[in-house]
PDB file of all heavy atoms in Angstrom:
ATOM      1  N   PHE A   1      -4.929   2.816 -44.781  1.00  0.00           N
ATOM      2  CA  PHE A   1      -4.989   3.985 -45.663  1.00  0.00           C
ATOM      3  C   PHE A   1      -3.608   4.637 -45.837  1.00  0.00           C
ATOM      4  O   PHE A   1      -2.789   4.735 -44.834  1.00  0.00           O
ATOM      5  CB  PHE A   1      -5.876   5.100 -45.011  1.00  0.00           C
ATOM      6  CG  PHE A   1      -5.920   6.310 -45.906  1.00  0.00           C
ATOM      7  CD1 PHE A   1      -6.748   6.437 -46.974  1.00  0.00           C
ATOM      8  CD2 PHE A   1      -5.123   7.444 -45.486  1.00  0.00           C
ATOM      9  CE1 PHE A   1      -6.777   7.608 -47.746  1.00  0.00           C
ATOM     10  CE2 PHE A   1      -5.139   8.570 -46.271  1.00  0.00           C
ATOM     11  CZ  PHE A   1      -6.002   8.652 -47.363  1.00  0.00           C
ATOM     12  N   TYR A   2      -3.271   5.021 -47.044  1.00  0.00           N
ATOM     13  CA  TYR A   2      -2.066   5.809 -47.407  1.00  0.00           C
ATOM     14  C   TYR A   2      -2.547   6.920 -48.334  1.00  0.00           C
ATOM     15  O   TYR A   2      -3.319   6.680 -49.299  1.00  0.00           O
ATOM     16  CB  TYR A   2      -1.012   5.042 -48.055  1.00  0.00           C
ATOM     17  CG  TYR A   2      -0.177   4.169 -47.157  1.00  0.00           C
ATOM     18  CD1 TYR A   2      -0.355   2.752 -47.097  1.00  0.00           C
ATOM     19  CD2 TYR A   2       0.816   4.666 -46.358  1.00  0.00           C
ATOM     20  CE1 TYR A   2       0.310   1.972 -46.270  1.00  0.00           C
ATOM     21  CE2 TYR A   2       1.564   3.909 -45.546  1.00  0.00           C
ATOM     22  CZ  TYR A   2       1.375   2.506 -45.505  1.00  0.00           C
ATOM     23  OH  TYR A   2       2.106   1.650 -44.680  1.00  0.00           O
ATOM     24  N   GLN A   3      -2.064   8.107 -48.063  1.00  0.00           N
ATOM     25  CA  GLN A   3      -2.247   9.199 -49.071  1.00  0.00           C
ATOM     26  C   GLN A   3      -1.643   8.740 -50.305  1.00  0.00           C
ATOM     27  O   GLN A   3      -0.590   8.177 -50.410  1.00  0.00           O
ATOM     28  CB  GLN A   3      -1.558  10.452 -48.549  1.00  0.00           C
ATOM     29  CG  GLN A   3      -1.796  11.744 -49.341  1.00  0.00           C
ATOM     30  CD  GLN A   3      -3.221  12.173 -49.206  1.00  0.00           C
ATOM     31  OE1 GLN A   3      -3.866  12.574 -50.215  1.00  0.00           O
ATOM     32  NE2 GLN A   3      -3.751  12.277 -47.987  1.00  0.00           N
ATOM     33  N   ALA A   4      -2.348   9.047 -51.457  1.00  0.00           N
ATOM     34  CA  ALA A   4      -1.908   8.559 -52.775  1.00  0.00           C
ATOM     35  C   ALA A   4      -0.473   9.031 -53.104  1.00  0.00           C
ATOM     36  O   ALA A   4       0.287   8.284 -53.698  1.00  0.00           O
ATOM     37  CB  ALA A   4      -2.848   8.957 -53.867  1.00  0.00           C
ATOM     38  N   SER A   5      -0.135  10.238 -52.708  1.00  0.00           N
ATOM     39  CA  SER A   5       1.161  10.786 -53.059  1.00  0.00           C
ATOM     40  C   SER A   5       2.308  10.111 -52.272  1.00  0.00           C
ATOM     41  O   SER A   5       3.439  10.318 -52.669  1.00  0.00           O
ATOM     42  CB  SER A   5       1.150  12.267 -52.734  1.00  0.00           C
ATOM     43  OG  SER A   5       0.973  12.538 -51.374  1.00  0.00           O
ATOM     44  N   VAL A   6       2.050   9.387 -51.219  1.00  0.00           N
ATOM     45  CA  VAL A   6       3.099   8.749 -50.455  1.00  0.00           C
ATOM     46  C   VAL A   6       3.035   7.216 -50.562  1.00  0.00           C
ATOM     47  O   VAL A   6       3.997   6.516 -50.126  1.00  0.00           O
ATOM     48  CB  VAL A   6       3.052   9.127 -48.933  1.00  0.00           C
ATOM     49  CG1 VAL A   6       3.027  10.603 -48.832  1.00  0.00           C
ATOM     50  CG2 VAL A   6       1.882   8.480 -48.281  1.00  0.00           C
ATOM     51  N   LYS A   7       2.043   6.615 -51.159  1.00  0.00           N
ATOM     52  CA  LYS A   7       1.883   5.206 -51.290  1.00  0.00           C
ATOM     53  C   LYS A   7       3.114   4.669 -52.005  1.00  0.00           C
ATOM     54  O   LYS A   7       3.476   5.110 -53.114  1.00  0.00           O
ATOM     55  CB  LYS A   7       0.645   4.828 -51.973  1.00  0.00           C
ATOM     56  CG  LYS A   7       0.250   3.352 -51.909  1.00  0.00           C
ATOM     57  CD  LYS A   7      -1.122   3.128 -52.434  1.00  0.00           C
ATOM     58  CE  LYS A   7      -1.576   1.678 -52.349  1.00  0.00           C
ATOM     59  NZ  LYS A   7      -1.629   1.205 -50.964  1.00  0.00           N
ATOM     60  N   GLY A   8       3.664   3.582 -51.441  1.00  0.00           N
ATOM     61  CA  GLY A   8       4.888   2.984 -52.075  1.00  0.00           C
ATOM     62  C   GLY A   8       6.194   3.645 -51.606  1.00  0.00           C
ATOM     63  O   GLY A   8       7.249   3.065 -51.723  1.00  0.00           O
ATOM     64  N   ARG A   9       6.090   4.776 -50.938  1.00  0.00           N
ATOM     65  CA  ARG A   9       7.328   5.434 -50.431  1.00  0.00           C
ATOM     66  C   ARG A   9       7.303   5.498 -48.890  1.00  0.00           C
ATOM     67  O   ARG A   9       8.331   5.370 -48.274  1.00  0.00           O
ATOM     68  CB  ARG A   9       7.415   6.886 -50.890  1.00  0.00           C
ATOM     69  CG  ARG A   9       7.574   7.004 -52.426  1.00  0.00           C
ATOM     70  CD  ARG A   9       7.802   8.463 -52.809  1.00  0.00           C
ATOM     71  NE  ARG A   9       6.741   9.357 -52.443  1.00  0.00           N
ATOM     72  CZ  ARG A   9       6.861  10.379 -51.601  1.00  0.00           C
ATOM     73  NH1 ARG A   9       8.055  10.655 -51.073  1.00  0.00           N
ATOM     74  NH2 ARG A   9       5.808  11.211 -51.363  1.00  0.00           N
ATOM     75  N   PHE A  10       6.104   5.645 -48.279  1.00  0.00           N
ATOM     76  CA  PHE A  10       6.007   5.664 -46.802  1.00  0.00           C
ATOM     77  C   PHE A  10       5.362   4.362 -46.279  1.00  0.00           C
ATOM     78  O   PHE A  10       4.504   3.801 -46.972  1.00  0.00           O
ATOM     79  CB  PHE A  10       5.112   6.848 -46.370  1.00  0.00           C
ATOM     80  CG  PHE A  10       5.668   8.186 -46.622  1.00  0.00           C
ATOM     81  CD1 PHE A  10       6.822   8.405 -47.355  1.00  0.00           C
ATOM     82  CD2 PHE A  10       5.014   9.333 -46.053  1.00  0.00           C
ATOM     83  CE1 PHE A  10       7.341   9.671 -47.686  1.00  0.00           C
ATOM     84  CE2 PHE A  10       5.516  10.591 -46.306  1.00  0.00           C
ATOM     85  CZ  PHE A  10       6.659  10.753 -47.036  1.00  0.00           C
ATOM     86  N   THR A  11       5.730   4.048 -45.134  1.00  0.00           N
ATOM     87  CA  THR A  11       5.230   2.879 -44.432  1.00  0.00           C
ATOM     88  C   THR A  11       4.904   3.173 -42.956  1.00  0.00           C
ATOM     89  O   THR A  11       5.796   3.665 -42.264  1.00  0.00           O
ATOM     90  CB  THR A  11       6.173   1.625 -44.495  1.00  0.00           C
ATOM     91  OG1 THR A  11       6.397   1.391 -45.870  1.00  0.00           O
ATOM     92  CG2 THR A  11       5.502   0.453 -43.879  1.00  0.00           C
ATOM     93  N   ILE A  12       3.669   2.907 -42.580  1.00  0.00           N
ATOM     94  CA  ILE A  12       3.338   3.160 -41.113  1.00  0.00           C
ATOM     95  C   ILE A  12       3.337   1.748 -40.467  1.00  0.00           C
ATOM     96  O   ILE A  12       3.004   0.749 -41.068  1.00  0.00           O
ATOM     97  CB  ILE A  12       1.877   3.759 -41.013  1.00  0.00           C
ATOM     98  CG1 ILE A  12       1.642   4.105 -39.482  1.00  0.00           C
ATOM     99  CG2 ILE A  12       0.846   2.865 -41.548  1.00  0.00           C
ATOM    100  CD1 ILE A  12       0.352   4.884 -39.314  1.00  0.00           C
ATOM    101  N   SER A  13       3.827   1.838 -39.250  1.00  0.00           N
ATOM    102  CA  SER A  13       3.959   0.510 -38.461  1.00  0.00           C
ATOM    103  C   SER A  13       3.716   0.894 -37.069  1.00  0.00           C
ATOM    104  O   SER A  13       3.932   1.984 -36.601  1.00  0.00           O
ATOM    105  CB  SER A  13       5.231  -0.253 -38.688  1.00  0.00           C
ATOM    106  OG  SER A  13       6.333   0.539 -38.282  1.00  0.00           O
ATOM    107  N   ARG A  14       3.386  -0.169 -36.205  1.00  0.00           N
ATOM    108  CA  ARG A  14       3.126   0.055 -34.744  1.00  0.00           C
ATOM    109  C   ARG A  14       3.729  -1.087 -33.979  1.00  0.00           C
ATOM    110  O   ARG A  14       3.714  -2.222 -34.353  1.00  0.00           O
ATOM    111  CB  ARG A  14       1.636   0.297 -34.513  1.00  0.00           C
ATOM    112  CG  ARG A  14       0.765  -0.876 -34.838  1.00  0.00           C
ATOM    113  CD  ARG A  14      -0.743  -0.502 -34.758  1.00  0.00           C
ATOM    114  NE  ARG A  14      -1.149  -0.116 -33.379  1.00  0.00           N
ATOM    115  CZ  ARG A  14      -2.249   0.492 -33.110  1.00  0.00           C
ATOM    116  NH1 ARG A  14      -3.017   0.920 -34.094  1.00  0.00           N
ATOM    117  NH2 ARG A  14      -2.500   0.773 -31.814  1.00  0.00           N
ATOM    118  N   ASP A  15       4.130  -0.732 -32.770  1.00  0.00           N
ATOM    119  CA  ASP A  15       4.710  -1.705 -31.801  1.00  0.00           C
ATOM    120  C   ASP A  15       3.830  -1.551 -30.551  1.00  0.00           C
ATOM    121  O   ASP A  15       4.077  -0.613 -29.710  1.00  0.00           O
ATOM    122  CB  ASP A  15       6.109  -1.389 -31.535  1.00  0.00           C
ATOM    123  CG  ASP A  15       6.739  -2.387 -30.574  1.00  0.00           C
ATOM    124  OD1 ASP A  15       6.014  -3.211 -30.029  1.00  0.00           O
ATOM    125  OD2 ASP A  15       7.965  -2.331 -30.318  1.00  0.00           O
ATOM    126  N   ASN A  16       2.763  -2.364 -30.470  1.00  0.00           N
ATOM    127  CA  ASN A  16       1.818  -2.180 -29.350  1.00  0.00           C
ATOM    128  C   ASN A  16       2.459  -2.487 -27.994  1.00  0.00           C
ATOM    129  O   ASN A  16       2.064  -1.889 -26.997  1.00  0.00           O
ATOM    130  CB  ASN A  16       0.582  -3.093 -29.557  1.00  0.00           C
ATOM    131  CG  ASN A  16      -0.228  -2.590 -30.684  1.00  0.00           C
ATOM    132  OD1 ASN A  16      -0.349  -1.403 -31.035  1.00  0.00           O
ATOM    133  ND2 ASN A  16      -0.907  -3.555 -31.395  1.00  0.00           N
ATOM    134  N   ALA A  17       3.434  -3.371 -27.926  1.00  0.00           N
ATOM    135  CA  ALA A  17       4.083  -3.805 -26.702  1.00  0.00           C
ATOM    136  C   ALA A  17       4.757  -2.597 -26.136  1.00  0.00           C
ATOM    137  O   ALA A  17       4.983  -2.443 -24.866  1.00  0.00           O
ATOM    138  CB  ALA A  17       4.959  -4.934 -26.911  1.00  0.00           C
ATOM    139  N   ASN A  18       5.290  -1.657 -27.033  1.00  0.00           N
ATOM    140  CA  ASN A  18       6.055  -0.528 -26.483  1.00  0.00           C
ATOM    141  C   ASN A  18       5.416   0.831 -26.713  1.00  0.00           C
ATOM    142  O   ASN A  18       6.028   1.851 -26.579  1.00  0.00           O
ATOM    143  CB  ASN A  18       7.438  -0.565 -27.212  1.00  0.00           C
ATOM    144  CG  ASN A  18       8.289  -1.765 -26.729  1.00  0.00           C
ATOM    145  OD1 ASN A  18       8.727  -1.803 -25.553  1.00  0.00           O
ATOM    146  ND2 ASN A  18       8.535  -2.641 -27.653  1.00  0.00           N
ATOM    147  N   ASN A  19       4.092   0.779 -27.116  1.00  0.00           N
ATOM    148  CA  ASN A  19       3.337   2.004 -27.300  1.00  0.00           C
ATOM    149  C   ASN A  19       4.004   2.965 -28.237  1.00  0.00           C
ATOM    150  O   ASN A  19       4.144   4.170 -28.016  1.00  0.00           O
ATOM    151  CB  ASN A  19       3.073   2.715 -26.015  1.00  0.00           C
ATOM    152  CG  ASN A  19       2.210   1.918 -25.015  1.00  0.00           C
ATOM    153  OD1 ASN A  19       1.608   0.928 -25.448  1.00  0.00           O
ATOM    154  ND2 ASN A  19       2.023   2.437 -23.818  1.00  0.00           N
ATOM    155  N   MET A  20       4.445   2.442 -29.393  1.00  0.00           N
ATOM    156  CA  MET A  20       5.090   3.168 -30.458  1.00  0.00           C
ATOM    157  C   MET A  20       4.440   3.042 -31.774  1.00  0.00           C
ATOM    158  O   MET A  20       3.956   1.962 -32.149  1.00  0.00           O
ATOM    159  CB  MET A  20       6.582   2.807 -30.536  1.00  0.00           C
ATOM    160  CG  MET A  20       7.371   3.025 -29.237  1.00  0.00           C
ATOM    161  SD  MET A  20       7.684   4.823 -28.901  1.00  0.00           S
ATOM    162  CE  MET A  20       8.759   5.196 -30.347  1.00  0.00           C
ATOM    163  N   VAL A  21       4.449   4.127 -32.538  1.00  0.00           N
ATOM    164  CA  VAL A  21       4.090   4.014 -33.962  1.00  0.00           C
ATOM    165  C   VAL A  21       5.112   4.786 -34.774  1.00  0.00           C
ATOM    166  O   VAL A  21       5.662   5.767 -34.285  1.00  0.00           O
ATOM    167  CB  VAL A  21       2.634   4.686 -34.125  1.00  0.00           C
ATOM    168  CG1 VAL A  21       2.607   6.107 -33.778  1.00  0.00           C
ATOM    169  CG2 VAL A  21       2.146   4.394 -35.570  1.00  0.00           C
ATOM    170  N   TYR A  22       5.375   4.287 -35.913  1.00  0.00           N
ATOM    171  CA  TYR A  22       6.456   4.847 -36.690  1.00  0.00           C
ATOM    172  C   TYR A  22       5.972   5.186 -38.127  1.00  0.00           C
ATOM    173  O   TYR A  22       4.950   4.602 -38.655  1.00  0.00           O
ATOM    174  CB  TYR A  22       7.593   3.737 -36.914  1.00  0.00           C
ATOM    175  CG  TYR A  22       8.096   3.245 -35.589  1.00  0.00           C
ATOM    176  CD1 TYR A  22       7.664   2.134 -35.040  1.00  0.00           C
ATOM    177  CD2 TYR A  22       9.123   3.998 -34.942  1.00  0.00           C
ATOM    178  CE1 TYR A  22       8.193   1.645 -33.796  1.00  0.00           C
ATOM    179  CE2 TYR A  22       9.649   3.513 -33.758  1.00  0.00           C
ATOM    180  CZ  TYR A  22       9.184   2.369 -33.207  1.00  0.00           C
ATOM    181  OH  TYR A  22       9.681   1.902 -32.018  1.00  0.00           O
ATOM    182  N   LEU A  23       6.702   6.076 -38.810  1.00  0.00           N
ATOM    183  CA  LEU A  23       6.432   6.328 -40.188  1.00  0.00           C
ATOM    184  C   LEU A  23       7.846   6.361 -40.842  1.00  0.00           C
ATOM    185  O   LEU A  23       8.624   7.270 -40.691  1.00  0.00           O
ATOM    186  CB  LEU A  23       5.759   7.722 -40.344  1.00  0.00           C
ATOM    187  CG  LEU A  23       5.369   8.105 -41.760  1.00  0.00           C
ATOM    188  CD1 LEU A  23       4.276   7.150 -42.278  1.00  0.00           C
ATOM    189  CD2 LEU A  23       4.980   9.539 -41.917  1.00  0.00           C
ATOM    190  N   GLN A  24       8.045   5.320 -41.630  1.00  0.00           N
ATOM    191  CA  GLN A  24       9.268   5.265 -42.465  1.00  0.00           C
ATOM    192  C   GLN A  24       9.011   5.977 -43.760  1.00  0.00           C
ATOM    193  O   GLN A  24       8.085   5.568 -44.493  1.00  0.00           O
ATOM    194  CB  GLN A  24       9.616   3.741 -42.762  1.00  0.00           C
ATOM    195  CG  GLN A  24      10.885   3.564 -43.540  1.00  0.00           C
ATOM    196  CD  GLN A  24      12.108   4.063 -42.912  1.00  0.00           C
ATOM    197  OE1 GLN A  24      12.335   3.741 -41.760  1.00  0.00           O
ATOM    198  NE2 GLN A  24      12.927   4.830 -43.645  1.00  0.00           N
ATOM    199  N   MET A  25       9.865   6.913 -44.089  1.00  0.00           N
ATOM    200  CA  MET A  25       9.715   7.794 -45.242  1.00  0.00           C
ATOM    201  C   MET A  25      10.879   7.586 -46.087  1.00  0.00           C
ATOM    202  O   MET A  25      12.014   7.984 -45.721  1.00  0.00           O
ATOM    203  CB  MET A  25       9.461   9.226 -44.894  1.00  0.00           C
ATOM    204  CG  MET A  25       8.322   9.441 -43.866  1.00  0.00           C
ATOM    205  SD  MET A  25       8.019  11.203 -43.531  1.00  0.00           S
ATOM    206  CE  MET A  25       9.531  11.635 -42.737  1.00  0.00           C
ATOM    207  N   ASN A  26      10.685   7.094 -47.315  1.00  0.00           N
ATOM    208  CA  ASN A  26      11.724   6.908 -48.311  1.00  0.00           C
ATOM    209  C   ASN A  26      11.496   7.764 -49.529  1.00  0.00           C
ATOM    210  O   ASN A  26      10.376   8.197 -49.767  1.00  0.00           O
ATOM    211  CB  ASN A  26      11.845   5.370 -48.726  1.00  0.00           C
ATOM    212  CG  ASN A  26      12.194   4.512 -47.580  1.00  0.00           C
ATOM    213  OD1 ASN A  26      12.972   4.878 -46.637  1.00  0.00           O
ATOM    214  ND2 ASN A  26      11.631   3.351 -47.578  1.00  0.00           N
ATOM    215  N   SER A  27      12.545   7.959 -50.342  1.00  0.00           N
ATOM    216  CA  SER A  27      12.406   8.719 -51.520  1.00  0.00           C
ATOM    217  C   SER A  27      11.695  10.071 -51.349  1.00  0.00           C
ATOM    218  O   SER A  27      10.798  10.455 -52.082  1.00  0.00           O
ATOM    219  CB  SER A  27      11.685   7.910 -52.650  1.00  0.00           C
ATOM    220  OG  SER A  27      12.325   6.693 -52.916  1.00  0.00           O
ATOM    221  N   LEU A  28      12.167  10.774 -50.337  1.00  0.00           N
ATOM    222  CA  LEU A  28      11.444  12.023 -49.923  1.00  0.00           C
ATOM    223  C   LEU A  28      11.641  13.090 -51.044  1.00  0.00           C
ATOM    224  O   LEU A  28      12.637  13.162 -51.734  1.00  0.00           O
ATOM    225  CB  LEU A  28      12.084  12.573 -48.630  1.00  0.00           C
ATOM    226  CG  LEU A  28      11.630  11.823 -47.364  1.00  0.00           C
ATOM    227  CD1 LEU A  28      12.558  12.077 -46.191  1.00  0.00           C
ATOM    228  CD2 LEU A  28      10.119  12.299 -47.030  1.00  0.00           C
ATOM    229  N   GLN A  29      10.584  13.877 -51.212  1.00  0.00           N
ATOM    230  CA  GLN A  29      10.502  14.865 -52.161  1.00  0.00           C
ATOM    231  C   GLN A  29      10.222  16.246 -51.420  1.00  0.00           C
ATOM    232  O   GLN A  29       9.705  16.325 -50.363  1.00  0.00           O
ATOM    233  CB  GLN A  29       9.407  14.637 -53.189  1.00  0.00           C
ATOM    234  CG  GLN A  29       9.465  13.327 -53.893  1.00  0.00           C
ATOM    235  CD  GLN A  29       8.214  12.964 -54.614  1.00  0.00           C
ATOM    236  OE1 GLN A  29       8.034  11.812 -55.084  1.00  0.00           O
ATOM    237  NE2 GLN A  29       7.302  13.906 -54.792  1.00  0.00           N
ATOM    238  N   PRO A  30      10.648  17.400 -52.102  1.00  0.00           N
ATOM    239  CA  PRO A  30      10.389  18.664 -51.504  1.00  0.00           C
ATOM    240  C   PRO A  30       8.871  18.873 -51.106  1.00  0.00           C
ATOM    241  O   PRO A  30       8.652  19.592 -50.145  1.00  0.00           O
ATOM    242  CB  PRO A  30      10.765  19.626 -52.574  1.00  0.00           C
ATOM    243  CG  PRO A  30      11.881  18.951 -53.323  1.00  0.00           C
ATOM    244  CD  PRO A  30      11.448  17.485 -53.350  1.00  0.00           C
ATOM    245  N   GLU A  31       7.994  18.244 -51.870  1.00  0.00           N
ATOM    246  CA  GLU A  31       6.569  18.348 -51.585  1.00  0.00           C
ATOM    247  C   GLU A  31       6.111  17.666 -50.244  1.00  0.00           C
ATOM    248  O   GLU A  31       5.012  17.888 -49.836  1.00  0.00           O
ATOM    249  CB  GLU A  31       5.721  17.806 -52.718  1.00  0.00           C
ATOM    250  CG  GLU A  31       5.839  18.608 -54.051  1.00  0.00           C
ATOM    251  CD  GLU A  31       7.140  18.401 -54.719  1.00  0.00           C
ATOM    252  OE1 GLU A  31       7.837  17.397 -54.537  1.00  0.00           O
ATOM    253  OE2 GLU A  31       7.462  19.295 -55.604  1.00  0.00           O
ATOM    254  N   ASP A  32       7.066  16.858 -49.695  1.00  0.00           N
ATOM    255  CA  ASP A  32       6.788  16.259 -48.422  1.00  0.00           C
ATOM    256  C   ASP A  32       7.082  17.147 -47.278  1.00  0.00           C
ATOM    257  O   ASP A  32       6.780  16.704 -46.111  1.00  0.00           O
ATOM    258  CB  ASP A  32       7.593  14.871 -48.274  1.00  0.00           C
ATOM    259  CG  ASP A  32       7.228  13.880 -49.346  1.00  0.00           C
ATOM    260  OD1 ASP A  32       5.998  13.686 -49.575  1.00  0.00           O
ATOM    261  OD2 ASP A  32       8.140  13.256 -49.907  1.00  0.00           O
ATOM    262  N   THR A  33       7.633  18.230 -47.494  1.00  0.00           N
ATOM    263  CA  THR A  33       7.973  19.229 -46.396  1.00  0.00           C
ATOM    264  C   THR A  33       6.684  19.607 -45.747  1.00  0.00           C
ATOM    265  O   THR A  33       5.769  20.167 -46.308  1.00  0.00           O
ATOM    266  CB  THR A  33       8.698  20.497 -46.962  1.00  0.00           C
ATOM    267  OG1 THR A  33       9.942  20.059 -47.511  1.00  0.00           O
ATOM    268  CG2 THR A  33       8.959  21.467 -45.915  1.00  0.00           C
ATOM    269  N   ALA A  34       6.687  19.430 -44.387  1.00  0.00           N
ATOM    270  CA  ALA A  34       5.513  19.761 -43.577  1.00  0.00           C
ATOM    271  C   ALA A  34       5.862  19.499 -42.099  1.00  0.00           C
ATOM    272  O   ALA A  34       6.934  18.852 -41.818  1.00  0.00           O
ATOM    273  CB  ALA A  34       4.334  18.885 -44.038  1.00  0.00           C
ATOM    274  N   ILE A  35       4.960  19.869 -41.211  1.00  0.00           N
ATOM    275  CA  ILE A  35       4.954  19.399 -39.877  1.00  0.00           C
ATOM    276  C   ILE A  35       4.200  18.105 -39.834  1.00  0.00           C
ATOM    277  O   ILE A  35       3.058  18.089 -40.334  1.00  0.00           O
ATOM    278  CB  ILE A  35       4.448  20.403 -38.865  1.00  0.00           C
ATOM    279  CG1 ILE A  35       5.225  21.745 -38.968  1.00  0.00           C
ATOM    280  CG2 ILE A  35       4.367  19.906 -37.473  1.00  0.00           C
ATOM    281  CD1 ILE A  35       4.603  22.884 -38.081  1.00  0.00           C
ATOM    282  N   TYR A  36       4.768  17.068 -39.309  1.00  0.00           N
ATOM    283  CA  TYR A  36       4.111  15.790 -39.138  1.00  0.00           C
ATOM    284  C   TYR A  36       3.628  15.536 -37.776  1.00  0.00           C
ATOM    285  O   TYR A  36       4.348  15.715 -36.841  1.00  0.00           O
ATOM    286  CB  TYR A  36       5.088  14.684 -39.605  1.00  0.00           C
ATOM    287  CG  TYR A  36       5.245  14.592 -41.050  1.00  0.00           C
ATOM    288  CD1 TYR A  36       5.988  15.587 -41.790  1.00  0.00           C
ATOM    289  CD2 TYR A  36       4.752  13.585 -41.883  1.00  0.00           C
ATOM    290  CE1 TYR A  36       6.120  15.570 -43.172  1.00  0.00           C
ATOM    291  CE2 TYR A  36       4.888  13.493 -43.196  1.00  0.00           C
ATOM    292  CZ  TYR A  36       5.568  14.446 -43.857  1.00  0.00           C
ATOM    293  OH  TYR A  36       5.758  14.421 -45.246  1.00  0.00           O
ATOM    294  N   TYR A  37       2.288  15.193 -37.694  1.00  0.00           N
ATOM    295  CA  TYR A  37       1.639  14.928 -36.425  1.00  0.00           C
ATOM    296  C   TYR A  37       1.213  13.485 -36.232  1.00  0.00           C
ATOM    297  O   TYR A  37       0.749  12.860 -37.174  1.00  0.00           O
ATOM    298  CB  TYR A  37       0.374  15.820 -36.350  1.00  0.00           C
ATOM    299  CG  TYR A  37       0.624  17.260 -36.367  1.00  0.00           C
ATOM    300  CD1 TYR A  37       0.602  17.973 -37.567  1.00  0.00           C
ATOM    301  CD2 TYR A  37       0.867  17.993 -35.222  1.00  0.00           C
ATOM    302  CE1 TYR A  37       0.840  19.369 -37.609  1.00  0.00           C
ATOM    303  CE2 TYR A  37       1.039  19.395 -35.289  1.00  0.00           C
ATOM    304  CZ  TYR A  37       1.026  20.015 -36.423  1.00  0.00           C
ATOM    305  OH  TYR A  37       1.262  21.410 -36.529  1.00  0.00           O
ATOM    306  N   CYS A  38       1.412  13.011 -35.079  1.00  0.00           N
ATOM    307  CA  CYS A  38       0.876  11.768 -34.665  1.00  0.00           C
ATOM    308  C   CYS A  38      -0.464  11.893 -34.030  1.00  0.00           C
ATOM    309  O   CYS A  38      -0.692  12.833 -33.268  1.00  0.00           O
ATOM    310  CB  CYS A  38       1.914  11.050 -33.664  1.00  0.00           C
ATOM    311  SG  CYS A  38       1.334   9.489 -32.967  1.00  0.00           S
ATOM    312  N   ALA A  39      -1.441  10.963 -34.311  1.00  0.00           N
ATOM    313  CA  ALA A  39      -2.737  11.066 -33.716  1.00  0.00           C
ATOM    314  C   ALA A  39      -3.260   9.685 -33.285  1.00  0.00           C
ATOM    315  O   ALA A  39      -2.840   8.710 -33.904  1.00  0.00           O
ATOM    316  CB  ALA A  39      -3.720  11.769 -34.682  1.00  0.00           C
TER     317      ALA A  39
END
């Protein structure tokens, strides 16, 4: 799943061996301003 407003700009990925998840955010817009939470 990707929120429609971020599809094509954001990419989620995970590294299970290192217990890490990432969010690569490109072409950021002022509307992306927020607190971002991992869950």
